[in-house]
Amino acid sequence: MTVGLLLLQQPALARTDDRNQPIHVVHADSMDGYNEPNSMSTFKGNVLITQGTMKLTGELARIWTAKEDTSVDHIIVTSIAPKRPHIEQTDDNGNLMTGDADQLYYDNVNGIAILTGNAFVHQQNKGDAHGAKLTYNTQTGYMVGESGNNGPVTMTFLPKQKPLPSPKNGKPATPAPTPAKPAAGSPATGAAKPASASSASTKE
């Protein structure tokens, strides 16, 4: 079963300019390959790859270049226990999208991220989705989920956030103080005090 999922509800959905940014391998413990057209390079150990606001992390990543030049065609990040591939991106409204799966395929030409194997995507202030396979468009935010052996596609939609009531006169309302209760055995407030014996007048 395949289910199309549209999570975001605003015209400016995902990040529209990340694909115009260069791809950086910020960190890896080791690397081997060629910086040539139609080639593949392998990066191992604490791999961090960025493109604008987008980040890819994992223990093993392979980058394929285009046939005609050294621009990136696609990236595959493979799971090595206990660390799974991870993707995150901040959209044009400042909301963070995060995703985790057993394998992450990023199509740099079309801006498509495919998360396979117990895939989970969370979108800040909007909701999350879980499925055997989730395909996420990093430019539009449109997502397609597919069920599999791990169970059906599931999804959570967050309720609309209601604004807090405006404070009165520009100041937050403060509760009226509660009057203290008189101590047990003490005279009630306002009760007349009996005259003392020394102040009583006597007539001879």
C-alpha atoms as a PDB file:
ATOM      1  CA  MET A   1       0.000   0.000   0.000  1.00  0.00           C
ATOM      2  CA  THR A   2       1.232   3.473  -0.891  1.00  0.00           C
ATOM      3  CA  VAL A   3      -0.148   6.612   0.732  1.00  0.00           C
ATOM      4  CA  GLY A   4       0.567  10.202  -0.377  1.00  0.00           C
ATOM      5  CA  LEU A   5       1.128  12.528   2.557  1.00  0.00           C
ATOM      6  CA  LEU A   6       1.015  16.319   2.428  1.00  0.00           C
ATOM      7  CA  LEU A   7       2.280  17.567   5.779  1.00  0.00           C
ATOM      8  CA  LEU A   8       2.862  21.277   5.403  1.00  0.00           C
ATOM      9  CA  GLN A   9       0.070  23.786   4.962  1.00  0.00           C
ATOM     10  CA  GLN A  10       1.744  27.058   3.962  1.00  0.00           C
ATOM     11  CA  PRO A  11       2.822  28.340   0.504  1.00  0.00           C
ATOM     12  CA  ALA A  12       6.501  28.493   1.518  1.00  0.00           C
ATOM     13  CA  LEU A  13       7.041  24.831   2.315  1.00  0.00           C
ATOM     14  CA  ALA A  14      10.547  23.425   2.398  1.00  0.00           C
ATOM     15  CA  ARG A  15      13.839  25.184   1.761  1.00  0.00           C
ATOM     16  CA  THR A  16      13.857  26.655  -1.735  1.00  0.00           C
ATOM     17  CA  ASP A  17      17.521  27.674  -2.055  1.00  0.00           C
ATOM     18  CA  ASP A  18      19.543  24.837  -0.488  1.00  0.00           C
ATOM     19  CA  ARG A  19      20.119  23.074  -3.822  1.00  0.00           C
ATOM     20  CA  ASN A  20      21.855  26.202  -5.121  1.00  0.00           C
ATOM     21  CA  GLN A  21      24.465  25.886  -2.360  1.00  0.00           C
ATOM     22  CA  PRO A  22      27.696  23.839  -2.608  1.00  0.00           C
ATOM     23  CA  ILE A  23      27.894  20.431  -0.947  1.00  0.00           C
ATOM     24  CA  HIS A  24      30.542  20.201   1.776  1.00  0.00           C
ATOM     25  CA  VAL A  25      31.912  17.049   3.392  1.00  0.00           C
ATOM     26  CA  VAL A  26      32.573  18.740   6.706  1.00  0.00           C
ATOM     27  CA  HIS A  27      33.953  15.670   8.460  1.00  0.00           C
ATOM     28  CA  ALA A  28      34.870  12.024   7.892  1.00  0.00           C
ATOM     29  CA  ASP A  29      37.435   9.752   9.499  1.00  0.00           C
ATOM     30  CA  SER A  30      38.564   8.418   6.120  1.00  0.00           C
ATOM     31  CA  MET A  31      37.954   8.914   2.395  1.00  0.00           C
ATOM     32  CA  ASP A  32      38.846   7.202  -0.859  1.00  0.00           C
ATOM     33  CA  GLY A  33      37.819   7.949  -4.423  1.00  0.00           C
ATOM     34  CA  TYR A  34      38.263  10.397  -7.303  1.00  0.00           C
ATOM     35  CA  ASN A  35      37.096  13.959  -7.754  1.00  0.00           C
ATOM     36  CA  GLU A  36      36.254  13.248 -11.405  1.00  0.00           C
ATOM     37  CA  PRO A  37      33.103  13.133 -13.533  1.00  0.00           C
ATOM     38  CA  ASN A  38      31.107   9.890 -13.328  1.00  0.00           C
ATOM     39  CA  SER A  39      32.956   8.634 -10.256  1.00  0.00           C
ATOM     40  CA  MET A  40      32.172   7.559  -6.696  1.00  0.00           C
ATOM     41  CA  SER A  41      33.908   8.522  -3.431  1.00  0.00           C
ATOM     42  CA  THR A  42      33.474   6.718  -0.097  1.00  0.00           C
ATOM     43  CA  PHE A  43      33.536   8.451   3.294  1.00  0.00           C
ATOM     44  CA  LYS A  44      33.636   6.531   6.573  1.00  0.00           C
ATOM     45  CA  GLY A  45      33.348   7.400  10.246  1.00  0.00           C
ATOM     46  CA  ASN A  46      31.324  10.280  11.757  1.00  0.00           C
ATOM     47  CA  VAL A  47      30.426  11.621   8.330  1.00  0.00           C
ATOM     48  CA  LEU A  48      28.855  15.086   8.165  1.00  0.00           C
ATOM     49  CA  ILE A  49      27.716  16.486   4.811  1.00  0.00           C
ATOM     50  CA  THR A  50      26.039  19.895   4.460  1.00  0.00           C
ATOM     51  CA  GLN A  51      24.295  21.850   1.727  1.00  0.00           C
ATOM     52  CA  GLY A  52      22.917  25.162   2.959  1.00  0.00           C
ATOM     53  CA  THR A  53      20.692  24.358   5.942  1.00  0.00           C
ATOM     54  CA  MET A  54      20.555  20.664   5.075  1.00  0.00           C
ATOM     55  CA  LYS A  55      22.734  18.203   6.999  1.00  0.00           C
ATOM     56  CA  LEU A  56      23.364  14.501   6.354  1.00  0.00           C
ATOM     57  CA  THR A  57      25.092  12.380   8.985  1.00  0.00           C
ATOM     58  CA  GLY A  58      26.043   8.720   9.243  1.00  0.00           C
ATOM     59  CA  GLU A  59      28.916   6.273   9.486  1.00  0.00           C
ATOM     60  CA  LEU A  60      29.222   5.401   5.771  1.00  0.00           C
ATOM     61  CA  ALA A  61      28.437   7.710   2.849  1.00  0.00           C
ATOM     62  CA  ARG A  62      29.048   7.346  -0.882  1.00  0.00           C
ATOM     63  CA  ILE A  63      28.915  10.331  -3.235  1.00  0.00           C
ATOM     64  CA  TRP A  64      28.406   9.903  -6.982  1.00  0.00           C
ATOM     65  CA  THR A  65      29.346  12.730  -9.357  1.00  0.00           C
ATOM     66  CA  ALA A  66      27.527  13.615 -12.580  1.00  0.00           C
ATOM     67  CA  LYS A  67      28.573  12.079 -15.885  1.00  0.00           C
ATOM     68  CA  GLU A  68      29.510  15.420 -17.444  1.00  0.00           C
ATOM     69  CA  ASP A  69      31.206  17.209 -14.510  1.00  0.00           C
ATOM     70  CA  THR A  70      32.151  16.901 -10.832  1.00  0.00           C
ATOM     71  CA  SER A  71      28.843  18.188  -9.464  1.00  0.00           C
ATOM     72  CA  VAL A  72      27.092  15.791  -7.085  1.00  0.00           C
ATOM     73  CA  ASP A  73      24.485  13.542  -8.686  1.00  0.00           C
ATOM     74  CA  HIS A  74      23.370  11.601  -5.621  1.00  0.00           C
ATOM     75  CA  ILE A  75      24.469  10.509  -2.149  1.00  0.00           C
ATOM     76  CA  ILE A  76      23.753   7.248  -0.305  1.00  0.00           C
ATOM     77  CA  VAL A  77      24.234   7.059   3.474  1.00  0.00           C
ATOM     78  CA  THR A  78      24.156   3.510   4.866  1.00  0.00           C
ATOM     79  CA  SER A  79      23.406   2.428   8.414  1.00  0.00           C
ATOM     80  CA  ILE A  80      26.162   1.004  10.583  1.00  0.00           C
ATOM     81  CA  ALA A  81      24.958   0.092  14.080  1.00  0.00           C
ATOM     82  CA  PRO A  82      24.286   1.783  16.343  1.00  0.00           C
ATOM     83  CA  LYS A  83      24.189   5.021  14.298  1.00  0.00           C
ATOM     84  CA  ARG A  84      21.555   5.348  11.592  1.00  0.00           C
ATOM     85  CA  PRO A  85      21.607   7.850   8.724  1.00  0.00           C
ATOM     86  CA  HIS A  86      20.081  11.205   9.652  1.00  0.00           C
ATOM     87  CA  ILE A  87      18.895  14.187   7.610  1.00  0.00           C
ATOM     88  CA  GLU A  88      17.737  17.612   8.770  1.00  0.00           C
ATOM     89  CA  GLN A  89      16.779  20.842   7.072  1.00  0.00           C
ATOM     90  CA  THR A  90      15.306  24.204   8.092  1.00  0.00           C
ATOM     91  CA  ASP A  91      12.438  25.398   5.894  1.00  0.00           C
ATOM     92  CA  ASP A  92      11.756  28.956   4.733  1.00  0.00           C
ATOM     93  CA  ASN A  93       9.574  29.545   7.809  1.00  0.00           C
ATOM     94  CA  GLY A  94      12.327  28.528  10.245  1.00  0.00           C
ATOM     95  CA  ASN A  95      10.835  25.102  11.098  1.00  0.00           C
ATOM     96  CA  LEU A  96      13.185  22.135  11.407  1.00  0.00           C
ATOM     97  CA  MET A  97      12.609  18.866   9.546  1.00  0.00           C
ATOM     98  CA  THR A  98      14.475  15.773  10.762  1.00  0.00           C
ATOM     99  CA  GLY A  99      14.515  12.252   9.352  1.00  0.00           C
ATOM    100  CA  ASP A 100      16.080   8.900  10.274  1.00  0.00           C
ATOM    101  CA  ALA A 101      16.156   5.539   8.473  1.00  0.00           C
ATOM    102  CA  ASP A 102      18.313   2.482   7.798  1.00  0.00           C
ATOM    103  CA  GLN A 103      19.359   3.965   4.442  1.00  0.00           C
ATOM    104  CA  LEU A 104      19.196   7.499   3.089  1.00  0.00           C
ATOM    105  CA  TYR A 105      19.302   8.243  -0.646  1.00  0.00           C
ATOM    106  CA  TYR A 106      19.605  11.913  -1.598  1.00  0.00           C
ATOM    107  CA  ASP A 107      18.968  12.880  -5.225  1.00  0.00           C
ATOM    108  CA  ASN A 108      20.791  16.198  -5.582  1.00  0.00           C
ATOM    109  CA  VAL A 109      19.515  16.799  -9.123  1.00  0.00           C
ATOM    110  CA  ASN A 110      15.847  16.811  -8.090  1.00  0.00           C
ATOM    111  CA  GLY A 111      16.160  17.602  -4.375  1.00  0.00           C
ATOM    112  CA  ILE A 112      14.529  14.326  -3.287  1.00  0.00           C
ATOM    113  CA  ALA A 113      15.423  12.430  -0.101  1.00  0.00           C
ATOM    114  CA  ILE A 114      14.362   8.757   0.085  1.00  0.00           C
ATOM    115  CA  LEU A 115      14.444   7.197   3.561  1.00  0.00           C
ATOM    116  CA  THR A 116      14.200   3.402   3.570  1.00  0.00           C
ATOM    117  CA  GLY A 117      13.878   0.968   6.477  1.00  0.00           C
ATOM    118  CA  ASN A 118      11.930   1.967   9.596  1.00  0.00           C
ATOM    119  CA  ALA A 119      11.858   5.539   8.306  1.00  0.00           C
ATOM    120  CA  PHE A 120      10.732   8.427  10.494  1.00  0.00           C
ATOM    121  CA  VAL A 121      10.289  12.098   9.556  1.00  0.00           C
ATOM    122  CA  HIS A 122       9.370  14.870  11.977  1.00  0.00           C
ATOM    123  CA  GLN A 123       8.412  18.414  10.950  1.00  0.00           C
ATOM    124  CA  GLN A 124       8.504  21.046  13.667  1.00  0.00           C
ATOM    125  CA  ASN A 125       5.086  22.564  14.472  1.00  0.00           C
ATOM    126  CA  LYS A 126       3.412  20.346  11.872  1.00  0.00           C
ATOM    127  CA  GLY A 127       3.643  16.619  12.626  1.00  0.00           C
ATOM    128  CA  ASP A 128       5.496  13.415  11.853  1.00  0.00           C
ATOM    129  CA  ALA A 129       5.278  10.298   9.702  1.00  0.00           C
ATOM    130  CA  HIS A 130       6.549   6.741   9.967  1.00  0.00           C
ATOM    131  CA  GLY A 131       6.762   4.012   7.341  1.00  0.00           C
ATOM    132  CA  ALA A 132       8.930   1.402   5.657  1.00  0.00           C
ATOM    133  CA  LYS A 133       9.826   4.027   3.040  1.00  0.00           C
ATOM    134  CA  LEU A 134       9.329   7.797   3.054  1.00  0.00           C
ATOM    135  CA  THR A 135      10.111   9.968   0.020  1.00  0.00           C
ATOM    136  CA  TYR A 136      10.518  13.638   0.910  1.00  0.00           C
ATOM    137  CA  ASN A 137      10.821  16.570  -1.500  1.00  0.00           C
ATOM    138  CA  THR A 138      13.257  19.003   0.120  1.00  0.00           C
ATOM    139  CA  GLN A 139      11.950  21.872  -2.040  1.00  0.00           C
ATOM    140  CA  THR A 140       8.188  21.496  -1.622  1.00  0.00           C
ATOM    141  CA  GLY A 141       7.812  19.433   1.555  1.00  0.00           C
ATOM    142  CA  TYR A 142       5.570  16.893  -0.233  1.00  0.00           C
ATOM    143  CA  MET A 143       5.994  13.376   1.121  1.00  0.00           C
ATOM    144  CA  VAL A 144       4.949   9.881   0.047  1.00  0.00           C
ATOM    145  CA  GLY A 145       4.911   7.003   2.537  1.00  0.00           C
ATOM    146  CA  GLU A 146       4.919   3.269   1.840  1.00  0.00           C
ATOM    147  CA  SER A 147       4.073   0.447   4.229  1.00  0.00           C
ATOM    148  CA  GLY A 148       6.041  -2.774   4.484  1.00  0.00           C
ATOM    149  CA  ASN A 149       7.079  -5.519   6.865  1.00  0.00           C
ATOM    150  CA  ASN A 150       7.578  -2.965   9.631  1.00  0.00           C
ATOM    151  CA  GLY A 151       3.869  -2.120   9.645  1.00  0.00           C
ATOM    152  CA  PRO A 152       1.561   0.469   8.095  1.00  0.00           C
ATOM    153  CA  VAL A 153       2.237   4.101   7.383  1.00  0.00           C
ATOM    154  CA  THR A 154       1.358   6.187  10.427  1.00  0.00           C
ATOM    155  CA  MET A 155       1.076   9.931  10.760  1.00  0.00           C
ATOM    156  CA  THR A 156       0.473  12.567  13.425  1.00  0.00           C
ATOM    157  CA  PHE A 157      -0.970  16.018  12.716  1.00  0.00           C
ATOM    158  CA  LEU A 158      -0.414  18.650  15.393  1.00  0.00           C
ATOM    159  CA  PRO A 159      -3.358  20.888  16.370  1.00  0.00           C
ATOM    160  CA  LYS A 160      -3.376  24.567  15.516  1.00  0.00           C
ATOM    161  CA  GLN A 161      -1.675  26.575  18.222  1.00  0.00           C
ATOM    162  CA  LYS A 162      -4.124  29.006  19.857  1.00  0.00           C
ATOM    163  CA  PRO A 163      -2.758  32.453  20.783  1.00  0.00           C
ATOM    164  CA  LEU A 164      -2.562  33.319  24.456  1.00  0.00           C
ATOM    165  CA  PRO A 165      -5.194  35.820  25.727  1.00  0.00           C
ATOM    166  CA  SER A 166      -4.077  39.445  25.740  1.00  0.00           C
ATOM    167  CA  PRO A 167      -3.187  40.827  29.199  1.00  0.00           C
ATOM    168  CA  LYS A 168      -5.457  43.529  30.626  1.00  0.00           C
ATOM    169  CA  ASN A 169      -4.114  47.113  30.472  1.00  0.00           C
ATOM    170  CA  GLY A 170      -0.866  45.759  29.063  1.00  0.00           C
ATOM    171  CA  LYS A 171      -0.041  43.966  32.309  1.00  0.00           C
ATOM    172  CA  PRO A 172      -0.585  40.317  33.168  1.00  0.00           C
ATOM    173  CA  ALA A 173      -3.506  39.820  35.496  1.00  0.00           C
ATOM    174  CA  THR A 174      -2.559  39.049  39.088  1.00  0.00           C
ATOM    175  CA  PRO A 175      -4.897  37.152  41.385  1.00  0.00           C
ATOM    176  CA  ALA A 176      -6.390  39.083  44.316  1.00  0.00           C
ATOM    177  CA  PRO A 177      -4.661  38.301  47.613  1.00  0.00           C
ATOM    178  CA  THR A 178      -6.484  35.831  49.825  1.00  0.00           C
ATOM    179  CA  PRO A 179      -7.223  37.274  53.315  1.00  0.00           C
ATOM    180  CA  ALA A 180      -5.471  35.449  56.080  1.00  0.00           C
ATOM    181  CA  LYS A 181      -7.626  33.411  58.388  1.00  0.00           C
ATOM    182  CA  PRO A 182      -7.562  34.443  62.065  1.00  0.00           C
ATOM    183  CA  ALA A 183      -5.733  32.105  64.349  1.00  0.00           C
ATOM    184  CA  ALA A 184      -7.815  29.717  66.394  1.00  0.00           C
ATOM    185  CA  GLY A 185      -8.970  31.293  69.673  1.00  0.00           C
ATOM    186  CA  SER A 186      -8.109  34.846  68.591  1.00  0.00           C
ATOM    187  CA  PRO A 187     -10.871  37.484  68.471  1.00  0.00           C
ATOM    188  CA  ALA A 188     -12.513  38.149  65.155  1.00  0.00           C
ATOM    189  CA  THR A 189     -11.323  41.135  63.200  1.00  0.00           C
ATOM    190  CA  GLY A 190     -13.249  44.278  64.138  1.00  0.00           C
ATOM    191  CA  ALA A 191     -14.588  42.874  67.415  1.00  0.00           C
ATOM    192  CA  ALA A 192     -14.533  45.329  70.342  1.00  0.00           C
ATOM    193  CA  LYS A 193     -11.859  44.676  72.901  1.00  0.00           C
ATOM    194  CA  PRO A 194     -13.135  44.420  76.516  1.00  0.00           C
ATOM    195  CA  ALA A 195     -12.015  47.236  78.820  1.00  0.00           C
ATOM    196  CA  SER A 196      -9.196  46.326  81.120  1.00  0.00           C
ATOM    197  CA  ALA A 197      -9.835  46.251  84.878  1.00  0.00           C
ATOM    198  CA  SER A 198      -7.237  48.979  85.500  1.00  0.00           C
ATOM    199  CA  SER A 199      -8.991  51.411  83.195  1.00  0.00           C
ATOM    200  CA  ALA A 200     -12.456  50.987  84.798  1.00  0.00           C
ATOM    201  CA  SER A 201     -13.472  54.043  86.923  1.00  0.00           C
ATOM    202  CA  THR A 202     -14.822  53.633  90.495  1.00  0.00           C
ATOM    203  CA  LYS A 203     -17.029  55.920  92.521  1.00  0.00           C
ATOM    204  CA  GLU A 204     -16.661  56.334  96.292  1.00  0.00           C
END
